């Protein structure tokens, strides 16, 4: 066996070993993004579509009061946020958004959510036209 063939065989064996080890790891090989946005089976998922030009901070509202900041969504983009069931113990959820560097705020109507569902919060350029839907 030539030196080149031995190097290729060694590289192949190393690659197979790494692949086998990652397949045996807990939950198998997963990207960090997939793990970050994967919903808890007892929770739900929020998709925010920011059709506004401004960046926005997004919050969960409970009983009319801002309860938890979920994160930021840049203008003209979308983001996904997991919603643990502890955020909606009675099944009702409401969302708020505050423009960063602006004076605008938006609040969705309260929506009824059950575990496993996905809520989409569409933020429009005219904030009063924004709405949340459940599917």
Protein backbone atom coordinates (compact mmCIF):
# COMPACT_ATOMS: atom_id res chain seq x y z
CA UNK A 1 0.00 0.00 0.00
CA UNK A 2 1.44 3.39 -0.98
CA UNK A 3 1.78 6.36 1.38
CA UNK A 4 -1.05 8.19 -0.41
CA UNK A 5 -3.41 5.23 -0.04
CA UNK A 6 -2.57 4.90 3.67
CA UNK A 7 -3.30 8.65 4.24
CA UNK A 8 -6.64 8.35 2.45
CA UNK A 9 -7.55 5.23 4.44
CA UNK A 10 -6.60 6.96 7.69
CA UNK A 11 -8.61 10.08 6.81
CA UNK A 12 -11.62 7.95 5.88
CA UNK A 13 -11.42 5.99 9.13
CA UNK A 14 -11.14 9.21 11.16
CA UNK A 15 -14.13 10.72 9.36
CA UNK A 16 -16.24 7.63 9.98
CA UNK A 17 -15.25 7.61 13.64
CA UNK A 18 -16.26 11.28 14.07
CA UNK A 19 -19.57 10.65 12.29
CA UNK A 20 -20.32 7.61 14.45
CA UNK A 21 -19.46 9.49 17.65
CA UNK A 22 -21.72 12.42 16.75
CA UNK A 23 -24.58 10.07 15.91
CA UNK A 24 -24.29 8.49 19.37
CA UNK A 25 -24.30 11.86 21.15
CA UNK A 26 -27.48 12.79 23.06
CA UNK A 27 -30.17 13.97 20.60
CA UNK A 28 -27.85 13.18 17.69
CA UNK A 29 -26.08 15.93 15.76
CA UNK A 30 -28.17 19.14 15.91
CA UNK A 31 -27.36 22.67 14.95
CA UNK A 32 -27.39 25.29 17.69
CA UNK A 33 -30.08 27.25 15.83
CA UNK A 34 -32.39 24.24 15.68
CA UNK A 35 -31.89 23.57 19.38
CA UNK A 36 -32.45 27.23 20.22
CA UNK A 37 -35.80 27.58 18.45
CA UNK A 38 -37.18 24.06 18.87
CA UNK A 39 -40.36 24.35 20.93
CA UNK A 40 -40.77 22.50 24.20
CA UNK A 41 -43.41 19.82 23.58
CA UNK A 42 -45.41 21.36 26.41
CA UNK A 43 -44.95 24.87 25.01
CA UNK A 44 -45.65 26.72 21.80
CA UNK A 45 -43.68 28.68 19.19
CA UNK A 46 -43.90 32.37 18.27
CA UNK A 47 -42.93 33.56 14.80
CA UNK A 48 -42.55 37.34 14.53
CA UNK A 49 -42.64 38.81 11.04
CA UNK A 50 -41.45 42.39 11.32
CA UNK A 51 -42.68 44.07 8.14
CA UNK A 52 -41.83 47.44 9.69
CA UNK A 53 -38.58 49.19 8.72
CA UNK A 54 -37.50 49.65 12.35
CA UNK A 55 -35.94 47.05 14.65
CA UNK A 56 -38.26 45.96 17.44
CA UNK A 57 -38.07 44.38 20.90
CA UNK A 58 -40.78 41.74 21.41
CA UNK A 59 -42.46 40.92 24.73
CA UNK A 60 -45.01 38.49 26.16
CA UNK A 61 -47.86 40.27 27.96
CA UNK A 62 -49.80 38.59 30.78
CA UNK A 63 -52.82 40.13 32.50
CA UNK A 64 -52.17 43.40 30.67
CA UNK A 65 -48.61 43.74 32.01
CA UNK A 66 -45.36 43.10 30.14
CA UNK A 67 -44.24 39.75 31.50
CA UNK A 68 -41.12 38.68 29.58
CA UNK A 69 -38.84 40.10 26.88
CA UNK A 70 -38.39 37.50 24.14
CA UNK A 71 -35.81 39.25 22.01
CA UNK A 72 -35.27 41.58 19.09
CA UNK A 73 -36.39 41.31 15.48
CA UNK A 74 -34.67 43.52 12.94
CA UNK A 75 -36.77 45.50 10.48
CA UNK A 76 -37.88 43.56 7.42
CA UNK A 77 -37.05 40.16 8.90
CA UNK A 78 -38.54 37.30 10.92
CA UNK A 79 -37.52 35.51 14.09
CA UNK A 80 -38.74 32.47 16.05
CA UNK A 81 -39.06 32.28 19.83
CA UNK A 82 -39.98 29.25 21.95
CA UNK A 83 -42.81 29.88 24.42
CA UNK A 84 -42.69 27.68 27.52
CA UNK A 85 -46.10 26.72 28.84
CA UNK A 86 -45.36 28.76 31.98
CA UNK A 87 -45.88 31.87 29.80
CA UNK A 88 -49.52 30.91 29.19
CA UNK A 89 -50.81 28.92 32.19
CA UNK A 90 -54.43 29.85 31.41
CA UNK A 91 -53.99 29.44 27.63
CA UNK A 92 -54.15 33.17 26.82
CA UNK A 93 -51.22 35.03 25.28
CA UNK A 94 -50.70 38.59 24.14
CA UNK A 95 -47.63 40.15 22.56
CA UNK A 96 -46.15 43.63 22.48
CA UNK A 97 -43.49 45.22 20.37
CA UNK A 98 -41.52 48.40 20.96
CA UNK A 99 -39.65 50.08 18.16
CA UNK A 100 -35.99 50.58 18.94
CA UNK A 101 -35.00 54.22 18.52
CA UNK A 102 -38.60 55.23 17.88
CA UNK A 103 -41.74 56.04 19.76
CA UNK A 104 -43.94 53.29 18.35
CA UNK A 105 -45.45 50.41 20.28
CA UNK A 106 -47.84 47.70 19.19
CA UNK A 107 -49.89 45.17 21.13
CA UNK A 108 -51.69 42.15 19.72
CA UNK A 109 -55.11 41.03 20.82
CA UNK A 110 -55.08 38.17 23.31
CA UNK A 111 -55.07 34.77 21.59
CA UNK A 112 -55.90 31.33 22.94
CA UNK A 113 -52.90 28.99 22.60
CA UNK A 114 -52.52 25.31 23.40
CA UNK A 115 -49.22 23.44 23.65
CA UNK A 116 -47.70 22.54 20.30
CA UNK A 117 -49.30 25.41 18.38
CA UNK A 118 -47.51 28.18 16.50
CA UNK A 119 -48.45 31.84 16.91
CA UNK A 120 -47.53 34.29 14.15
CA UNK A 121 -47.26 37.96 15.11
CA UNK A 122 -47.26 40.08 11.95
CA UNK A 123 -45.97 43.59 12.64
CA UNK A 124 -46.97 45.97 9.86
CA UNK A 125 -45.51 49.34 8.79
CA UNK A 126 -48.76 50.90 10.07
CA UNK A 127 -48.58 49.43 13.60
CA UNK A 128 -52.35 49.49 14.18
CA UNK A 129 -52.72 46.92 11.36
CA UNK A 130 -50.54 44.36 13.19
CA UNK A 131 -52.10 41.12 14.39
CA UNK A 132 -51.36 37.72 15.95
CA UNK A 133 -52.80 34.48 14.58
CA UNK A 134 -52.66 30.91 15.88
CA UNK A 135 -52.36 27.68 13.94
